[in-house]
C-alpha atoms as a PDB file:
ATOM      1  CA  UNK A   1     -68.367  25.954  -2.859  1.00  0.00           C
ATOM      2  CA  UNK A   2     -65.932  23.622  -1.046  1.00  0.00           C
ATOM      3  CA  UNK A   3     -67.250  22.719   2.096  1.00  0.00           C
ATOM      4  CA  UNK A   4     -63.607  22.721   4.514  1.00  0.00           C
ATOM      5  CA  UNK A   5     -65.155  20.440   8.286  1.00  0.00           C
ATOM      6  CA  UNK A   6     -63.951  21.224  11.322  1.00  0.00           C
ATOM      7  CA  UNK A   7     -60.652  19.328  12.763  1.00  0.00           C
ATOM      8  CA  UNK A   8     -61.923  18.194  15.779  1.00  0.00           C
ATOM      9  CA  UNK A   9     -59.789  16.246  18.835  1.00  0.00           C
ATOM     10  CA  UNK A  10     -57.404  18.513  20.882  1.00  0.00           C
ATOM     11  CA  UNK A  11     -55.130  20.547  20.943  1.00  0.00           C
ATOM     12  CA  UNK A  12     -51.266  19.454  22.082  1.00  0.00           C
ATOM     13  CA  UNK A  13     -51.065  21.227  25.366  1.00  0.00           C
ATOM     14  CA  UNK A  14     -54.550  19.281  26.813  1.00  0.00           C
ATOM     15  CA  UNK A  15     -53.110  16.299  25.064  1.00  0.00           C
ATOM     16  CA  UNK A  16     -49.623  17.269  27.013  1.00  0.00           C
ATOM     17  CA  UNK A  17     -51.803  17.537  30.482  1.00  0.00           C
ATOM     18  CA  UNK A  18     -53.470  14.602  29.416  1.00  0.00           C
ATOM     19  CA  UNK A  19     -50.784  13.029  29.729  1.00  0.00           C
ATOM     20  CA  UNK A  20     -48.986  14.191  32.128  1.00  0.00           C
ATOM     21  CA  UNK A  21     -52.243  12.826  34.103  1.00  0.00           C
ATOM     22  CA  UNK A  22     -52.683   9.415  33.445  1.00  0.00           C
ATOM     23  CA  UNK A  23     -48.511   8.876  33.678  1.00  0.00           C
ATOM     24  CA  UNK A  24     -49.185   9.403  37.671  1.00  0.00           C
ATOM     25  CA  UNK A  25     -52.178   7.406  38.202  1.00  0.00           C
ATOM     26  CA  UNK A  26     -50.331   4.914  36.108  1.00  0.00           C
ATOM     27  CA  UNK A  27     -47.533   5.239  38.466  1.00  0.00           C
ATOM     28  CA  UNK A  28     -49.197   5.734  41.804  1.00  0.00           C
ATOM     29  CA  UNK A  29     -51.148   2.607  41.302  1.00  0.00           C
ATOM     30  CA  UNK A  30     -47.586   0.414  40.312  1.00  0.00           C
ATOM     31  CA  UNK A  31     -45.684   1.546  44.010  1.00  0.00           C
ATOM     32  CA  UNK A  32     -49.331   0.346  45.183  1.00  0.00           C
ATOM     33  CA  UNK A  33     -48.065  -3.627  44.819  1.00  0.00           C
ATOM     34  CA  UNK A  34     -49.670  -7.188  44.718  1.00  0.00           C
ATOM     35  CA  UNK A  35     -51.562  -7.950  47.558  1.00  0.00           C
ATOM     36  CA  UNK A  36     -50.607  -9.837  49.204  1.00  0.00           C
ATOM     37  CA  UNK A  37     -53.719 -12.670  48.588  1.00  0.00           C
ATOM     38  CA  UNK A  38     -53.324 -11.962  44.547  1.00  0.00           C
ATOM     39  CA  UNK A  39     -49.372 -12.685  45.153  1.00  0.00           C
ATOM     40  CA  UNK A  40     -50.928 -15.271  47.354  1.00  0.00           C
ATOM     41  CA  UNK A  41     -53.925 -16.661  44.294  1.00  0.00           C
ATOM     42  CA  UNK A  42     -51.169 -16.121  41.907  1.00  0.00           C
ATOM     43  CA  UNK A  43     -48.982 -18.758  43.825  1.00  0.00           C
ATOM     44  CA  UNK A  44     -51.157 -21.250  43.715  1.00  0.00           C
ATOM     45  CA  UNK A  45     -51.822 -21.176  40.273  1.00  0.00           C
ATOM     46  CA  UNK A  46     -49.130 -22.045  38.800  1.00  0.00           C
ATOM     47  CA  UNK A  47     -48.593 -25.137  40.702  1.00  0.00           C
ATOM     48  CA  UNK A  48     -47.125 -27.082  43.690  1.00  0.00           C
ATOM     49  CA  UNK A  49     -44.308 -25.994  42.326  1.00  0.00           C
ATOM     50  CA  UNK A  50     -44.398 -22.510  42.161  1.00  0.00           C
ATOM     51  CA  UNK A  51     -45.569 -22.953  46.069  1.00  0.00           C
ATOM     52  CA  UNK A  52     -42.604 -24.327  47.183  1.00  0.00           C
ATOM     53  CA  UNK A  53     -39.969 -22.315  45.740  1.00  0.00           C
ATOM     54  CA  UNK A  54     -42.190 -19.460  47.259  1.00  0.00           C
ATOM     55  CA  UNK A  55     -42.032 -20.703  50.730  1.00  0.00           C
ATOM     56  CA  UNK A  56     -38.460 -19.955  50.174  1.00  0.00           C
ATOM     57  CA  UNK A  57     -38.399 -17.412  49.187  1.00  0.00           C
ATOM     58  CA  UNK A  58     -40.163 -15.596  51.582  1.00  0.00           C
ATOM     59  CA  UNK A  59     -38.046 -18.066  53.891  1.00  0.00           C
ATOM     60  CA  UNK A  60     -35.566 -16.298  52.997  1.00  0.00           C
ATOM     61  CA  UNK A  61     -36.652 -13.398  52.772  1.00  0.00           C
ATOM     62  CA  UNK A  62     -37.292 -13.532  56.294  1.00  0.00           C
ATOM     63  CA  UNK A  63     -33.844 -14.224  58.275  1.00  0.00           C
ATOM     64  CA  UNK A  64     -31.964 -11.964  55.819  1.00  0.00           C
ATOM     65  CA  UNK A  65     -34.671  -8.945  57.289  1.00  0.00           C
ATOM     66  CA  UNK A  66     -36.032  -7.847  53.745  1.00  0.00           C
ATOM     67  CA  UNK A  67     -39.521  -7.555  53.713  1.00  0.00           C
END
């Protein structure tokens, strides 16, 4: 007699619930943005030209009232 293997895994409802929860967590992380210290580090790694350009952008944002 041939053995029938049980299919493992998650059913569609459980997969859907996990997907919704993962999306909610991911969206929360994305909304947090990049901390200022990381943004500054990235600017430094990009080189002096990027730092000067970022400083100009930051100054323009301050005068425009943007944060």
